[in-house]
PDB file of N, CA and C in Angstrom:
ATOM      1  N   MET A   1      11.163   1.054  44.792  1.00  0.00           N
ATOM      2  CA  MET A   1       9.919   1.713  44.452  1.00  0.00           C
ATOM      3  C   MET A   1       9.499   2.579  45.628  1.00  0.00           C
ATOM      4  N   GLU A   2       9.171   3.820  45.313  1.00  0.00           N
ATOM      5  CA  GLU A   2       8.815   4.746  46.383  1.00  0.00           C
ATOM      6  C   GLU A   2       7.369   4.560  46.823  1.00  0.00           C
ATOM      7  N   THR A   3       7.103   4.862  48.072  1.00  0.00           N
ATOM      8  CA  THR A   3       5.746   4.794  48.612  1.00  0.00           C
ATOM      9  C   THR A   3       5.046   6.105  48.312  1.00  0.00           C
ATOM     10  N   ILE A   4       3.823   6.022  47.821  1.00  0.00           N
ATOM     11  CA  ILE A   4       3.056   7.203  47.437  1.00  0.00           C
ATOM     12  C   ILE A   4       1.993   7.440  48.507  1.00  0.00           C
ATOM     13  N   THR A   5       1.930   8.653  48.973  1.00  0.00           N
ATOM     14  CA  THR A   5       0.903   9.000  49.962  1.00  0.00           C
ATOM     15  C   THR A   5      -0.381   9.365  49.237  1.00  0.00           C
ATOM     16  N   PHE A   6      -1.447   9.470  49.996  1.00  0.00           N
ATOM     17  CA  PHE A   6      -2.748   9.801  49.423  1.00  0.00           C
ATOM     18  C   PHE A   6      -2.713  11.180  48.758  1.00  0.00           C
ATOM     19  N   GLU A   7      -1.988  12.110  49.344  1.00  0.00           N
ATOM     20  CA  GLU A   7      -1.891  13.459  48.785  1.00  0.00           C
ATOM     21  C   GLU A   7      -1.103  13.465  47.467  1.00  0.00           C
ATOM     22  N   GLN A   8      -0.169  12.529  47.304  1.00  0.00           N
ATOM     23  CA  GLN A   8       0.652  12.470  46.100  1.00  0.00           C
ATOM     24  C   GLN A   8      -0.008  11.673  44.970  1.00  0.00           C
ATOM     25  N   LEU A   9      -1.106  11.039  45.276  1.00  0.00           N
ATOM     26  CA  LEU A   9      -1.770  10.162  44.308  1.00  0.00           C
ATOM     27  C   LEU A   9      -2.140  10.871  42.998  1.00  0.00           C
ATOM     28  N   PRO A  10      -2.744  12.057  42.995  1.00  0.00           N
ATOM     29  CA  PRO A  10      -3.077  12.703  41.707  1.00  0.00           C
ATOM     30  C   PRO A  10      -1.855  12.960  40.828  1.00  0.00           C
ATOM     31  N   GLN A  11      -0.743  13.405  41.430  1.00  0.00           N
ATOM     32  CA  GLN A  11       0.461  13.650  40.646  1.00  0.00           C
ATOM     33  C   GLN A  11       1.033  12.335  40.102  1.00  0.00           C
ATOM     34  N   ALA A  12       0.968  11.273  40.912  1.00  0.00           N
ATOM     35  CA  ALA A  12       1.481   9.976  40.477  1.00  0.00           C
ATOM     36  C   ALA A  12       0.670   9.435  39.313  1.00  0.00           C
ATOM     37  N   VAL A  13      -0.639   9.593  39.380  1.00  0.00           N
ATOM     38  CA  VAL A  13      -1.503   9.131  38.290  1.00  0.00           C
ATOM     39  C   VAL A  13      -1.211   9.936  37.019  1.00  0.00           C
ATOM     40  N   THR A  14      -0.982  11.234  37.180  1.00  0.00           N
ATOM     41  CA  THR A  14      -0.651  12.077  36.026  1.00  0.00           C
ATOM     42  C   THR A  14       0.650  11.624  35.373  1.00  0.00           C
ATOM     43  N   ARG A  15       1.686  11.377  36.203  1.00  0.00           N
ATOM     44  CA  ARG A  15       2.962  10.894  35.666  1.00  0.00           C
ATOM     45  C   ARG A  15       2.788   9.550  34.965  1.00  0.00           C
ATOM     46  N   LEU A  16       2.009   8.665  35.574  1.00  0.00           N
ATOM     47  CA  LEU A  16       1.759   7.347  34.983  1.00  0.00           C
ATOM     48  C   LEU A  16       1.062   7.484  33.637  1.00  0.00           C
ATOM     49  N   HIS A  17       0.080   8.385  33.585  1.00  0.00           N
ATOM     50  CA  HIS A  17      -0.650   8.609  32.334  1.00  0.00           C
ATOM     51  C   HIS A  17       0.288   9.154  31.249  1.00  0.00           C
ATOM     52  N   GLU A  18       1.182  10.068  31.605  1.00  0.00           N
ATOM     53  CA  GLU A  18       2.144  10.621  30.643  1.00  0.00           C
ATOM     54  C   GLU A  18       3.084   9.534  30.121  1.00  0.00           C
ATOM     55  N   LYS A  19       3.521   8.672  31.028  1.00  0.00           N
ATOM     56  CA  LYS A  19       4.406   7.586  30.617  1.00  0.00           C
ATOM     57  C   LYS A  19       3.691   6.618  29.679  1.00  0.00           C
ATOM     58  N   LEU A  20       2.432   6.319  29.958  1.00  0.00           N
ATOM     59  CA  LEU A  20       1.662   5.439  29.070  1.00  0.00           C
ATOM     60  C   LEU A  20       1.487   6.063  27.687  1.00  0.00           C
ATOM     61  N   ASP A  21       1.203   7.363  27.653  1.00  0.00           N
ATOM     62  CA  ASP A  21       1.082   8.057  26.358  1.00  0.00           C
ATOM     63  C   ASP A  21       2.382   7.962  25.576  1.00  0.00           C
ATOM     64  N   HIS A  22       3.497   8.124  26.270  1.00  0.00           N
ATOM     65  CA  HIS A  22       4.799   8.037  25.616  1.00  0.00           C
ATOM     66  C   HIS A  22       5.056   6.621  25.072  1.00  0.00           C
ATOM     67  N   ILE A  23       4.716   5.616  25.839  1.00  0.00           N
ATOM     68  CA  ILE A  23       4.881   4.221  25.393  1.00  0.00           C
ATOM     69  C   ILE A  23       4.001   3.944  24.177  1.00  0.00           C
ATOM     70  N   GLU A  24       2.762   4.429  24.197  1.00  0.00           N
ATOM     71  CA  GLU A  24       1.869   4.252  23.043  1.00  0.00           C
ATOM     72  C   GLU A  24       2.450   4.903  21.795  1.00  0.00           C
ATOM     73  N   GLN A  25       3.001   6.097  21.963  1.00  0.00           N
ATOM     74  CA  GLN A  25       3.601   6.797  20.824  1.00  0.00           C
ATOM     75  C   GLN A  25       4.786   6.011  20.268  1.00  0.00           C
ATOM     76  N   LEU A  26       5.617   5.488  21.141  1.00  0.00           N
ATOM     77  CA  LEU A  26       6.760   4.692  20.691  1.00  0.00           C
ATOM     78  C   LEU A  26       6.311   3.436  19.957  1.00  0.00           C
ATOM     79  N   LEU A  27       5.274   2.787  20.454  1.00  0.00           N
ATOM     80  CA  LEU A  27       4.764   1.579  19.793  1.00  0.00           C
ATOM     81  C   LEU A  27       4.190   1.898  18.422  1.00  0.00           C
ATOM     82  N   ARG A  28       3.477   3.020  18.303  1.00  0.00           N
ATOM     83  CA  ARG A  28       2.929   3.406  16.990  1.00  0.00           C
ATOM     84  C   ARG A  28       4.057   3.670  15.998  1.00  0.00           C
ATOM     85  N   GLU A  29       5.088   4.375  16.450  1.00  0.00           N
ATOM     86  CA  GLU A  29       6.227   4.660  15.566  1.00  0.00           C
ATOM     87  C   GLU A  29       6.940   3.377  15.162  1.00  0.00           C
ATOM     88  N   ALA A  30       7.058   2.431  16.088  1.00  0.00           N
ATOM     89  CA  ALA A  30       7.707   1.158  15.767  1.00  0.00           C
ATOM     90  C   ALA A  30       6.888   0.393  14.734  1.00  0.00           C
ATOM     91  N   ASN A  31       5.566   0.430  14.846  1.00  0.00           N
ATOM     92  CA  ASN A  31       4.706  -0.261  13.880  1.00  0.00           C
ATOM     93  C   ASN A  31       4.779   0.394  12.513  1.00  0.00           C
ATOM     94  N   ASP A  32       4.898   1.718  12.471  1.00  0.00           N
ATOM     95  CA  ASP A  32       4.981   2.424  11.192  1.00  0.00           C
ATOM     96  C   ASP A  32       6.269   2.100  10.448  1.00  0.00           C
ATOM     97  N   HIS A  33       7.340   1.804  11.179  1.00  0.00           N
ATOM     98  CA  HIS A  33       8.631   1.530  10.550  1.00  0.00           C
ATOM     99  C   HIS A  33       8.865   0.052  10.277  1.00  0.00           C
ATOM    100  N   SER A  34       8.020  -0.812  10.794  1.00  0.00           N
ATOM    101  CA  SER A  34       8.235  -2.243  10.583  1.00  0.00           C
ATOM    102  C   SER A  34       7.801  -2.626   9.170  1.00  0.00           C
ATOM    103  N   PRO A  35       8.544  -3.516   8.526  1.00  0.00           N
ATOM    104  CA  PRO A  35       8.157  -3.925   7.176  1.00  0.00           C
ATOM    105  C   PRO A  35       6.859  -4.723   7.226  1.00  0.00           C
ATOM    106  N   LYS A  36       5.947  -4.357   6.360  1.00  0.00           N
ATOM    107  CA  LYS A  36       4.659  -5.045   6.330  1.00  0.00           C
ATOM    108  C   LYS A  36       4.726  -6.145   5.281  1.00  0.00           C
ATOM    109  N   THR A  37       4.265  -7.313   5.673  1.00  0.00           N
ATOM    110  CA  THR A  37       4.251  -8.404   4.715  1.00  0.00           C
ATOM    111  C   THR A  37       3.095  -8.193   3.751  1.00  0.00           C
ATOM    112  N   ASP A  38       3.338  -8.491   2.510  1.00  0.00           N
ATOM    113  CA  ASP A  38       2.330  -8.328   1.483  1.00  0.00           C
ATOM    114  C   ASP A  38       1.317  -9.456   1.595  1.00  0.00           C
ATOM    115  N   GLU A  39       0.068  -9.113   1.457  1.00  0.00           N
ATOM    116  CA  GLU A  39      -0.994 -10.102   1.588  1.00  0.00           C
ATOM    117  C   GLU A  39      -1.043 -10.994   0.353  1.00  0.00           C
ATOM    118  N   LEU A  40      -1.057 -12.298   0.592  1.00  0.00           N
ATOM    119  CA  LEU A  40      -1.118 -13.286  -0.476  1.00  0.00           C
ATOM    120  C   LEU A  40      -2.574 -13.697  -0.670  1.00  0.00           C
ATOM    121  N   LEU A  41      -3.038 -13.691  -1.921  1.00  0.00           N
ATOM    122  CA  LEU A  41      -4.437 -13.996  -2.233  1.00  0.00           C
ATOM    123  C   LEU A  41      -4.551 -15.256  -3.078  1.00  0.00           C
ATOM    124  N   THR A  42      -5.615 -15.992  -2.847  1.00  0.00           N
ATOM    125  CA  THR A  42      -5.951 -17.119  -3.717  1.00  0.00           C
ATOM    126  C   THR A  42      -6.646 -16.562  -4.952  1.00  0.00           C
ATOM    127  N   ILE A  43      -6.944 -17.421  -5.903  1.00  0.00           N
ATOM    128  CA  ILE A  43      -7.598 -16.939  -7.118  1.00  0.00           C
ATOM    129  C   ILE A  43      -8.997 -16.392  -6.820  1.00  0.00           C
ATOM    130  N   ALA A  44      -9.701 -17.017  -5.894  1.00  0.00           N
ATOM    131  CA  ALA A  44     -11.035 -16.522  -5.536  1.00  0.00           C
ATOM    132  C   ALA A  44     -10.936 -15.151  -4.866  1.00  0.00           C
ATOM    133  N   GLN A  45      -9.956 -14.983  -3.990  1.00  0.00           N
ATOM    134  CA  GLN A  45      -9.775 -13.691  -3.328  1.00  0.00           C
ATOM    135  C   GLN A  45      -9.328 -12.625  -4.320  1.00  0.00           C
ATOM    136  N   ALA A  46      -8.473 -13.004  -5.257  1.00  0.00           N
ATOM    137  CA  ALA A  46      -8.025 -12.060  -6.282  1.00  0.00           C
ATOM    138  C   ALA A  46      -9.196 -11.633  -7.162  1.00  0.00           C
ATOM    139  N   ALA A  47     -10.040 -12.585  -7.513  1.00  0.00           N
ATOM    140  CA  ALA A  47     -11.218 -12.269  -8.332  1.00  0.00           C
ATOM    141  C   ALA A  47     -12.133 -11.297  -7.588  1.00  0.00           C
ATOM    142  N   GLU A  48     -12.295 -11.530  -6.293  1.00  0.00           N
ATOM    143  CA  GLU A  48     -13.136 -10.629  -5.492  1.00  0.00           C
ATOM    144  C   GLU A  48     -12.495  -9.252  -5.393  1.00  0.00           C
ATOM    145  N   PHE A  49     -11.182  -9.214  -5.158  1.00  0.00           N
ATOM    146  CA  PHE A  49     -10.465  -7.946  -5.041  1.00  0.00           C
ATOM    147  C   PHE A  49     -10.569  -7.135  -6.334  1.00  0.00           C
ATOM    148  N   LEU A  50     -10.446  -7.808  -7.477  1.00  0.00           N
ATOM    149  CA  LEU A  50     -10.486  -7.132  -8.775  1.00  0.00           C
ATOM    150  C   LEU A  50     -11.902  -6.961  -9.315  1.00  0.00           C
ATOM    151  N   ASN A  51     -12.856  -7.563  -8.622  1.00  0.00           N
ATOM    152  CA  ASN A  51     -14.254  -7.537  -9.064  1.00  0.00           C
ATOM    153  C   ASN A  51     -14.401  -8.156 -10.458  1.00  0.00           C
ATOM    154  N   LEU A  52     -13.722  -9.288 -10.638  1.00  0.00           N
ATOM    155  CA  LEU A  52     -13.783 -10.063 -11.881  1.00  0.00           C
ATOM    156  C   LEU A  52     -14.193 -11.488 -11.535  1.00  0.00           C
ATOM    157  N   SER A  53     -14.655 -12.223 -12.520  1.00  0.00           N
ATOM    158  CA  SER A  53     -15.005 -13.621 -12.277  1.00  0.00           C
ATOM    159  C   SER A  53     -13.733 -14.473 -12.270  1.00  0.00           C
ATOM    160  N   THR A  54     -13.820 -15.618 -11.640  1.00  0.00           N
ATOM    161  CA  THR A  54     -12.678 -16.535 -11.590  1.00  0.00           C
ATOM    162  C   THR A  54     -12.255 -16.978 -12.990  1.00  0.00           C
ATOM    163  N   PRO A  55     -13.197 -17.347 -13.893  1.00  0.00           N
ATOM    164  CA  PRO A  55     -12.768 -17.706 -15.254  1.00  0.00           C
ATOM    165  C   PRO A  55     -12.042 -16.564 -15.981  1.00  0.00           C
ATOM    166  N   THR A  56     -12.436 -15.319 -15.715  1.00  0.00           N
ATOM    167  CA  THR A  56     -11.741 -14.183 -16.322  1.00  0.00           C
ATOM    168  C   THR A  56     -10.314 -14.108 -15.818  1.00  0.00           C
ATOM    169  N   ILE A  57     -10.113 -14.366 -14.532  1.00  0.00           N
ATOM    170  CA  ILE A  57      -8.767 -14.360 -13.961  1.00  0.00           C
ATOM    171  C   ILE A  57      -7.931 -15.461 -14.613  1.00  0.00           C
ATOM    172  N   TYR A  58      -8.505 -16.667 -14.737  1.00  0.00           N
ATOM    173  CA  TYR A  58      -7.775 -17.759 -15.389  1.00  0.00           C
ATOM    174  C   TYR A  58      -7.370 -17.378 -16.811  1.00  0.00           C
ATOM    175  N   GLY A  59      -8.274 -16.715 -17.542  1.00  0.00           N
ATOM    176  CA  GLY A  59      -7.964 -16.280 -18.907  1.00  0.00           C
ATOM    177  C   GLY A  59      -6.823 -15.286 -18.937  1.00  0.00           C
ATOM    178  N   LYS A  60      -6.824 -14.329 -18.024  1.00  0.00           N
ATOM    179  CA  LYS A  60      -5.756 -13.334 -17.962  1.00  0.00           C
ATOM    180  C   LYS A  60      -4.429 -13.986 -17.580  1.00  0.00           C
ATOM    181  N   VAL A  61      -4.480 -14.991 -16.713  1.00  0.00           N
ATOM    182  CA  VAL A  61      -3.259 -15.708 -16.333  1.00  0.00           C
ATOM    183  C   VAL A  61      -2.701 -16.452 -17.541  1.00  0.00           C
ATOM    184  N   SER A  62      -3.566 -17.115 -18.293  1.00  0.00           N
ATOM    185  CA  SER A  62      -3.091 -17.900 -19.438  1.00  0.00           C
ATOM    186  C   SER A  62      -2.514 -17.015 -20.542  1.00  0.00           C
ATOM    187  N   ARG A  63      -2.994 -15.755 -20.622  1.00  0.00           N
ATOM    188  CA  ARG A  63      -2.478 -14.813 -21.620  1.00  0.00           C
ATOM    189  C   ARG A  63      -1.352 -13.940 -21.050  1.00  0.00           C
ATOM    190  N   ASN A  64      -0.896 -14.275 -19.842  1.00  0.00           N
ATOM    191  CA  ASN A  64       0.169 -13.515 -19.161  1.00  0.00           C
ATOM    192  C   ASN A  64      -0.154 -12.034 -19.052  1.00  0.00           C
ATOM    193  N   GLU A  65      -1.405 -11.712 -18.779  1.00  0.00           N
ATOM    194  CA  GLU A  65      -1.831 -10.322 -18.656  1.00  0.00           C
ATOM    195  C   GLU A  65      -1.814  -9.831 -17.215  1.00  0.00           C
ATOM    196  N   ILE A  66      -1.684 -10.738 -16.273  1.00  0.00           N
ATOM    197  CA  ILE A  66      -1.819 -10.384 -14.872  1.00  0.00           C
ATOM    198  C   ILE A  66      -0.667 -11.008 -14.085  1.00  0.00           C
ATOM    199  N   PRO A  67      -0.106 -10.309 -13.100  1.00  0.00           N
ATOM    200  CA  PRO A  67       0.997 -10.889 -12.322  1.00  0.00           C
ATOM    201  C   PRO A  67       0.497 -12.024 -11.428  1.00  0.00           C
ATOM    202  N   VAL A  68       1.173 -13.162 -11.510  1.00  0.00           N
ATOM    203  CA  VAL A  68       0.726 -14.348 -10.792  1.00  0.00           C
ATOM    204  C   VAL A  68       1.934 -15.142 -10.300  1.00  0.00           C
ATOM    205  N   ASN A  69       1.728 -15.894  -9.237  1.00  0.00           N
ATOM    206  CA  ASN A  69       2.735 -16.829  -8.730  1.00  0.00           C
ATOM    207  C   ASN A  69       2.093 -18.201  -8.732  1.00  0.00           C
ATOM    208  N   LYS A  70       2.814 -19.193  -9.215  1.00  0.00           N
ATOM    209  CA  LYS A  70       2.261 -20.529  -9.305  1.00  0.00           C
ATOM    210  C   LYS A  70       3.098 -21.482  -8.470  1.00  0.00           C
ATOM    211  N   GLN A  71       2.438 -22.240  -7.626  1.00  0.00           N
ATOM    212  CA  GLN A  71       3.080 -23.269  -6.824  1.00  0.00           C
ATOM    213  C   GLN A  71       2.302 -24.557  -7.051  1.00  0.00           C
ATOM    214  N   GLY A  72       2.906 -25.460  -7.783  1.00  0.00           N
ATOM    215  CA  GLY A  72       2.178 -26.678  -8.155  1.00  0.00           C
ATOM    216  C   GLY A  72       1.054 -26.312  -9.100  1.00  0.00           C
ATOM    217  N   LYS A  73      -0.157 -26.725  -8.753  1.00  0.00           N
ATOM    218  CA  LYS A  73      -1.319 -26.389  -9.574  1.00  0.00           C
ATOM    219  C   LYS A  73      -2.068 -25.174  -9.052  1.00  0.00           C
ATOM    220  N   ARG A  74      -1.569 -24.582  -7.994  1.00  0.00           N
ATOM    221  CA  ARG A  74      -2.261 -23.451  -7.358  1.00  0.00           C
ATOM    222  C   ARG A  74      -1.694 -22.116  -7.830  1.00  0.00           C
ATOM    223  N   LEU A  75      -2.586 -21.138  -7.947  1.00  0.00           N
ATOM    224  CA  LEU A  75      -2.209 -19.782  -8.336  1.00  0.00           C
ATOM    225  C   LEU A  75      -2.350 -18.868  -7.126  1.00  0.00           C
ATOM    226  N   TYR A  76      -1.363 -18.019  -6.941  1.00  0.00           N
ATOM    227  CA  TYR A  76      -1.387 -17.059  -5.842  1.00  0.00           C
ATOM    228  C   TYR A  76      -1.071 -15.672  -6.393  1.00  0.00           C
ATOM    229  N   PHE A  77      -1.631 -14.671  -5.756  1.00  0.00           N
ATOM    230  CA  PHE A  77      -1.477 -13.294  -6.198  1.00  0.00           C
ATOM    231  C   PHE A  77      -1.116 -12.430  -4.995  1.00  0.00           C
ATOM    232  N   TYR A  78      -0.174 -11.506  -5.188  1.00  0.00           N
ATOM    233  CA  TYR A  78       0.129 -10.525  -4.155  1.00  0.00           C
ATOM    234  C   TYR A  78      -0.794  -9.330  -4.363  1.00  0.00           C
ATOM    235  N   LYS A  79      -1.416  -8.908  -3.292  1.00  0.00           N
ATOM    236  CA  LYS A  79      -2.370  -7.814  -3.372  1.00  0.00           C
ATOM    237  C   LYS A  79      -1.717  -6.541  -3.921  1.00  0.00           C
ATOM    238  N   SER A  80      -0.488  -6.253  -3.487  1.00  0.00           N
ATOM    239  CA  SER A  80       0.200  -5.045  -3.953  1.00  0.00           C
ATOM    240  C   SER A  80       0.495  -5.119  -5.451  1.00  0.00           C
ATOM    241  N   GLU A  81       0.839  -6.319  -5.949  1.00  0.00           N
ATOM    242  CA  GLU A  81       1.104  -6.474  -7.386  1.00  0.00           C
ATOM    243  C   GLU A  81      -0.172  -6.264  -8.194  1.00  0.00           C
ATOM    244  N   LEU A  82      -1.297  -6.750  -7.673  1.00  0.00           N
ATOM    245  CA  LEU A  82      -2.566  -6.545  -8.371  1.00  0.00           C
ATOM    246  C   LEU A  82      -2.932  -5.064  -8.390  1.00  0.00           C
ATOM    247  N   ALA A  83      -2.694  -4.376  -7.286  1.00  0.00           N
ATOM    248  CA  ALA A  83      -2.987  -2.944  -7.236  1.00  0.00           C
ATOM    249  C   ALA A  83      -2.105  -2.188  -8.230  1.00  0.00           C
ATOM    250  N   GLU A  84      -0.822  -2.546  -8.309  1.00  0.00           N
ATOM    251  CA  GLU A  84       0.078  -1.915  -9.280  1.00  0.00           C
ATOM    252  C   GLU A  84      -0.356  -2.225 -10.711  1.00  0.00           C
ATOM    253  N   TRP A  85      -0.805  -3.451 -10.944  1.00  0.00           N
ATOM    254  CA  TRP A  85      -1.274  -3.842 -12.272  1.00  0.00           C
ATOM    255  C   TRP A  85      -2.475  -2.986 -12.680  1.00  0.00           C
ATOM    256  N   ILE A  86      -3.371  -2.745 -11.732  1.00  0.00           N
ATOM    257  CA  ILE A  86      -4.530  -1.900 -12.022  1.00  0.00           C
ATOM    258  C   ILE A  86      -4.072  -0.486 -12.341  1.00  0.00           C
ATOM    259  N   LYS A  87      -3.126   0.033 -11.547  1.00  0.00           N
ATOM    260  CA  LYS A  87      -2.637   1.398 -11.759  1.00  0.00           C
ATOM    261  C   LYS A  87      -1.929   1.539 -13.104  1.00  0.00           C
ATOM    262  N   SER A  88      -1.274   0.488 -13.568  1.00  0.00           N
ATOM    263  CA  SER A  88      -0.532   0.566 -14.826  1.00  0.00           C
ATOM    264  C   SER A  88      -1.461   0.738 -16.024  1.00  0.00           C
ATOM    265  N   GLY A  89      -2.721   0.414 -15.868  1.00  0.00           N
ATOM    266  CA  GLY A  89      -3.672   0.561 -16.965  1.00  0.00           C
ATOM    267  C   GLY A  89      -4.374   1.897 -16.970  1.00  0.00           C
ATOM    268  N   ARG A  90      -3.898   2.833 -16.160  1.00  0.00           N
ATOM    269  CA  ARG A  90      -4.544   4.137 -16.050  1.00  0.00           C
ATOM    270  C   ARG A  90      -4.417   4.905 -17.357  1.00  0.00           C
ATOM    271  N   LYS A  91      -5.527   5.488 -17.784  1.00  0.00           N
ATOM    272  CA  LYS A  91      -5.549   6.316 -18.990  1.00  0.00           C
ATOM    273  C   LYS A  91      -5.282   7.761 -18.600  1.00  0.00           C
ATOM    274  N   LYS A  92      -4.491   8.441 -19.411  1.00  0.00           N
ATOM    275  CA  LYS A  92      -4.180   9.834 -19.134  1.00  0.00           C
ATOM    276  C   LYS A  92      -5.348  10.722 -19.523  1.00  0.00           C
ATOM    277  N   THR A  93      -5.487  11.828 -18.792  1.00  0.00           N
ATOM    278  CA  THR A  93      -6.535  12.788 -19.117  1.00  0.00           C
ATOM    279  C   THR A  93      -6.080  13.641 -20.290  1.00  0.00           C
ATOM    280  N   VAL A  94      -7.015  14.352 -20.886  1.00  0.00           N
ATOM    281  CA  VAL A  94      -6.701  15.234 -22.006  1.00  0.00           C
ATOM    282  C   VAL A  94      -5.715  16.305 -21.548  1.00  0.00           C
ATOM    283  N   THR A  95      -5.886  16.799 -20.341  1.00  0.00           N
ATOM    284  CA  THR A  95      -4.986  17.818 -19.799  1.00  0.00           C
ATOM    285  C   THR A  95      -3.570  17.273 -19.661  1.00  0.00           C
ATOM    286  N   GLU A  96      -3.428  16.045 -19.168  1.00  0.00           N
ATOM    287  CA  GLU A  96      -2.104  15.436 -19.016  1.00  0.00           C
ATOM    288  C   GLU A  96      -1.438  15.235 -20.376  1.00  0.00           C
ATOM    289  N   ILE A  97      -2.201  14.795 -21.352  1.00  0.00           N
ATOM    290  CA  ILE A  97      -1.661  14.593 -22.703  1.00  0.00           C
ATOM    291  C   ILE A  97      -1.211  15.924 -23.297  1.00  0.00           C
ATOM    292  N   ALA A  98      -2.027  16.964 -23.121  1.00  0.00           N
ATOM    293  CA  ALA A  98      -1.672  18.290 -23.647  1.00  0.00           C
ATOM    294  C   ALA A  98      -0.418  18.818 -22.954  1.00  0.00           C
ATOM    295  N   GLN A  99      -0.312  18.604 -21.658  1.00  0.00           N
ATOM    296  CA  GLN A  99       0.867  19.059 -20.916  1.00  0.00           C
ATOM    297  C   GLN A  99       2.123  18.334 -21.410  1.00  0.00           C
ATOM    298  N   GLU A 100       2.029  17.033 -21.640  1.00  0.00           N
ATOM    299  CA  GLU A 100       3.173  16.276 -22.156  1.00  0.00           C
ATOM    300  C   GLU A 100       3.567  16.765 -23.553  1.00  0.00           C
ATOM    301  N   ALA A 101       2.565  17.065 -24.378  1.00  0.00           N
ATOM    302  CA  ALA A 101       2.849  17.569 -25.723  1.00  0.00           C
ATOM    303  C   ALA A 101       3.553  18.921 -25.656  1.00  0.00           C
ATOM    304  N   ASP A 102       3.087  19.796 -24.757  1.00  0.00           N
ATOM    305  CA  ASP A 102       3.729  21.107 -24.600  1.00  0.00           C
ATOM    306  C   ASP A 102       5.172  20.956 -24.130  1.00  0.00           C
ATOM    307  N   GLU A 103       5.403  20.059 -23.177  1.00  0.00           N
ATOM    308  CA  GLU A 103       6.758  19.819 -22.673  1.00  0.00           C
ATOM    309  C   GLU A 103       7.654  19.265 -23.787  1.00  0.00           C
ATOM    310  N   TYR A 104       7.112  18.351 -24.581  1.00  0.00           N
ATOM    311  CA  TYR A 104       7.878  17.769 -25.681  1.00  0.00           C
ATOM    312  C   TYR A 104       8.277  18.844 -26.685  1.00  0.00           C
ATOM    313  N   LEU A 105       7.302  19.685 -27.058  1.00  0.00           N
ATOM    314  CA  LEU A 105       7.580  20.747 -28.027  1.00  0.00           C
ATOM    315  C   LEU A 105       8.567  21.762 -27.466  1.00  0.00           C
ATOM    316  N   ALA A 106       8.459  22.083 -26.177  1.00  0.00           N
ATOM    317  CA  ALA A 106       9.386  23.033 -25.566  1.00  0.00           C
ATOM    318  C   ALA A 106      10.798  22.457 -25.557  1.00  0.00           C
ATOM    319  N   ASN A 107      10.942  21.193 -25.236  1.00  0.00           N
ATOM    320  CA  ASN A 107      12.267  20.555 -25.235  1.00  0.00           C
ATOM    321  C   ASN A 107      12.824  20.428 -26.643  1.00  0.00           C
ATOM    322  N   ARG A 108      11.960  20.208 -27.600  1.00  0.00           N
ATOM    323  CA  ARG A 108      12.380  20.059 -29.002  1.00  0.00           C
ATOM    324  C   ARG A 108      12.907  21.388 -29.541  1.00  0.00           C
ATOM    325  N   LYS A 109      12.233  22.491 -29.167  1.00  0.00           N
ATOM    326  CA  LYS A 109      12.676  23.810 -29.609  1.00  0.00           C
ATOM    327  C   LYS A 109      14.028  24.154 -29.033  1.00  0.00           C
ATOM    328  N   LYS A 110      14.272  23.765 -27.774  1.00  0.00           N
ATOM    329  CA  LYS A 110      15.560  24.020 -27.128  1.00  0.00           C
ATOM    330  C   LYS A 110      16.676  23.278 -27.845  1.00  0.00           C
ATOM    331  N   GLY A 111      16.385  22.089 -28.321  1.00  0.00           N
ATOM    332  CA  GLY A 111      17.387  21.266 -29.002  1.00  0.00           C
ATOM    333  C   GLY A 111      17.758  21.781 -30.379  1.00  0.00           C
ATOM    334  N   ASN A 112      16.865  22.494 -31.053  1.00  0.00           N
ATOM    335  CA  ASN A 112      17.114  22.989 -32.393  1.00  0.00           C
ATOM    336  C   ASN A 112      17.943  24.265 -32.406  1.00  0.00           C
ATOM    337  N   ARG A 113      18.108  24.921 -31.286  1.00  0.00           N
ATOM    338  CA  ARG A 113      18.854  26.194 -31.235  1.00  0.00           C
ATOM    339  C   ARG A 113      20.323  25.985 -31.314  1.00  0.00           C
TER     340      ARG A 113
END
């Protein structure tokens, strides 16, 4: 390790600061690429996440309407699965329906030629 004089101190601090910035950037990139574990929710947490009552969740589980994991008598839910379940119930807009109809008719006309 080299000895730093008082006159060299500002440059040394600058180099140190640059190295710290580089290390922070590497750590952020490593965190972005690491696999994230999916959050596991209890029935009460799932009800809160979905803004539904616990009895409503039990009803949906019994009718197999909602993705669930069961271990013994306990029910567990993955947050990502619940989010996907919510997204799957999305209704299309009138514009989206019209666009799909136009695409269908255009493809149908191509097939008849």
